[in-house]
Amino acid sequence: VDEIVRFRALEQGDLVHIVDIQLDLLRGRLADRHIELEVTEEAEQKLAHDGYDPAFGARPLKRLIQREVGDRLATAILEGKAADGDKVTLGVSDGDFAMEFIQT
């Protein structure tokens, strides 16, 4: 097969949709622990922006979400900052991702 397949460049809306998909997968894993993950619109936009690379498209996005959300949340659980049944809000503070833990 010697055909050229053309792809259109990803737009911001596409990236936000990919962020939503990846966060829903993470929420599914957190459901076992009854931990609710809420992400502010600002954090969602920052993930979409920071996870995009013109050379690689949205491929770095999954690693970014794992590092900035999944790994940080796992550390918080291990340190006792978050527990089963809690609500976690991911936001942005001073240009960096920030998590707020609400015990229920």
Protein backbone atom coordinates (compact mmCIF):
# COMPACT_ATOMS: atom_id res chain seq x y z
CA VAL A 1 0.00 0.00 0.00
CA ASP A 2 1.64 3.18 -1.18
CA GLU A 3 -0.85 5.87 -0.37
CA ILE A 4 -0.44 9.15 1.39
CA VAL A 5 -2.73 9.72 4.32
CA ARG A 6 -3.15 13.33 5.33
CA PHE A 7 -3.99 14.30 8.86
CA ARG A 8 -5.16 17.67 10.02
CA ALA A 9 -3.34 19.35 12.87
CA LEU A 10 -4.87 18.98 16.31
CA GLU A 11 -6.78 21.98 17.57
CA GLN A 12 -7.28 23.07 21.18
CA GLY A 13 -10.74 21.47 21.28
CA ASP A 14 -9.25 18.16 20.15
CA LEU A 15 -6.65 18.31 22.90
CA VAL A 16 -9.24 19.07 25.58
CA HIS A 17 -11.26 16.08 24.38
CA ILE A 18 -8.16 13.86 24.67
CA VAL A 19 -7.55 15.24 28.18
CA ASP A 20 -11.15 14.32 29.09
CA ILE A 21 -10.66 10.77 27.81
CA GLN A 22 -7.42 10.29 29.74
CA LEU A 23 -8.90 11.77 32.93
CA ASP A 24 -11.94 9.49 32.63
CA LEU A 25 -9.58 6.50 32.48
CA LEU A 26 -7.87 7.72 35.65
CA ARG A 27 -11.24 8.30 37.31
CA GLY A 28 -12.11 4.69 36.52
CA ARG A 29 -9.03 3.51 38.38
CA LEU A 30 -9.83 5.80 41.32
CA ALA A 31 -13.40 4.47 41.52
CA ASP A 32 -12.11 1.31 43.22
CA ARG A 33 -11.05 3.52 46.12
CA HIS A 34 -14.17 5.71 45.88
CA ILE A 35 -11.98 8.75 45.26
CA GLU A 36 -13.66 11.46 43.22
CA LEU A 37 -11.43 13.52 40.91
CA GLU A 38 -12.59 16.97 39.87
CA VAL A 39 -10.52 19.02 37.43
CA THR A 40 -11.00 22.75 37.02
CA GLU A 41 -11.36 24.16 33.53
CA GLU A 42 -8.08 26.04 34.00
CA ALA A 43 -6.26 22.80 34.88
CA GLU A 44 -7.87 21.02 31.93
CA GLN A 45 -6.71 23.78 29.58
CA LYS A 46 -3.19 23.71 31.07
CA LEU A 47 -2.99 19.93 30.61
CA ALA A 48 -4.08 20.32 26.98
CA HIS A 49 -1.54 23.09 26.38
CA ASP A 50 1.41 21.52 28.22
CA GLY A 51 0.75 18.03 26.84
CA TYR A 52 0.96 19.06 23.20
CA ASP A 53 4.15 19.02 21.17
CA PRO A 54 4.04 20.04 17.49
CA ALA A 55 6.51 17.27 16.62
CA PHE A 56 4.72 14.52 18.54
CA GLY A 57 1.13 15.74 18.67
CA ALA A 58 -0.76 14.69 21.80
CA ARG A 59 1.48 11.70 22.60
CA PRO A 60 3.17 13.46 25.55
CA LEU A 61 -0.25 14.17 27.07
CA LYS A 62 -0.69 10.73 28.62
CA ARG A 63 2.72 10.97 30.34
CA LEU A 64 1.92 14.47 31.58
CA ILE A 65 -1.37 13.35 33.11
CA GLN A 66 0.32 10.35 34.71
CA ARG A 67 3.09 12.52 36.18
CA GLU A 68 1.06 15.57 37.22
CA VAL A 69 -2.14 13.85 38.31
CA GLY A 70 -1.70 10.10 38.75
CA ASP A 71 1.73 10.09 40.40
CA ARG A 72 0.98 13.09 42.61
CA LEU A 73 -2.28 11.53 43.72
CA ALA A 74 -0.56 8.21 44.47
CA THR A 75 2.02 10.05 46.57
CA ALA A 76 -0.74 11.89 48.44
CA ILE A 77 -2.46 8.59 49.22
CA LEU A 78 0.80 7.05 50.47
CA GLU A 79 1.49 10.12 52.62
CA GLY A 80 -2.03 10.03 54.08
CA LYS A 81 -3.12 13.33 52.50
CA ALA A 82 -5.87 11.52 50.57
CA ALA A 83 -7.84 8.44 51.53
CA ASP A 84 -10.58 6.21 50.22
CA GLY A 85 -13.79 8.17 49.74
CA ASP A 86 -12.12 11.58 49.48
CA LYS A 87 -12.66 14.20 46.82
CA VAL A 88 -9.62 15.60 45.02
CA THR A 89 -9.69 18.80 42.99
CA LEU A 90 -6.92 19.51 40.49
CA GLY A 91 -6.48 23.19 39.81
CA VAL A 92 -3.77 25.68 38.92
CA SER A 93 -2.02 27.96 41.39
CA ASP A 94 0.78 30.35 40.43
CA GLY A 95 1.06 28.65 37.04
CA ASP A 96 1.56 25.15 38.48
CA PHE A 97 -0.84 22.28 39.06
CA ALA A 98 -2.22 22.14 42.59
CA MET A 99 -4.34 19.54 44.36
CA GLU A 100 -6.90 20.15 47.06
CA PHE A 101 -8.00 17.20 49.17
CA ILE A 102 -11.45 17.18 50.75
CA GLN A 103 -12.05 14.44 53.26
CA THR A 104 -15.54 13.01 53.29
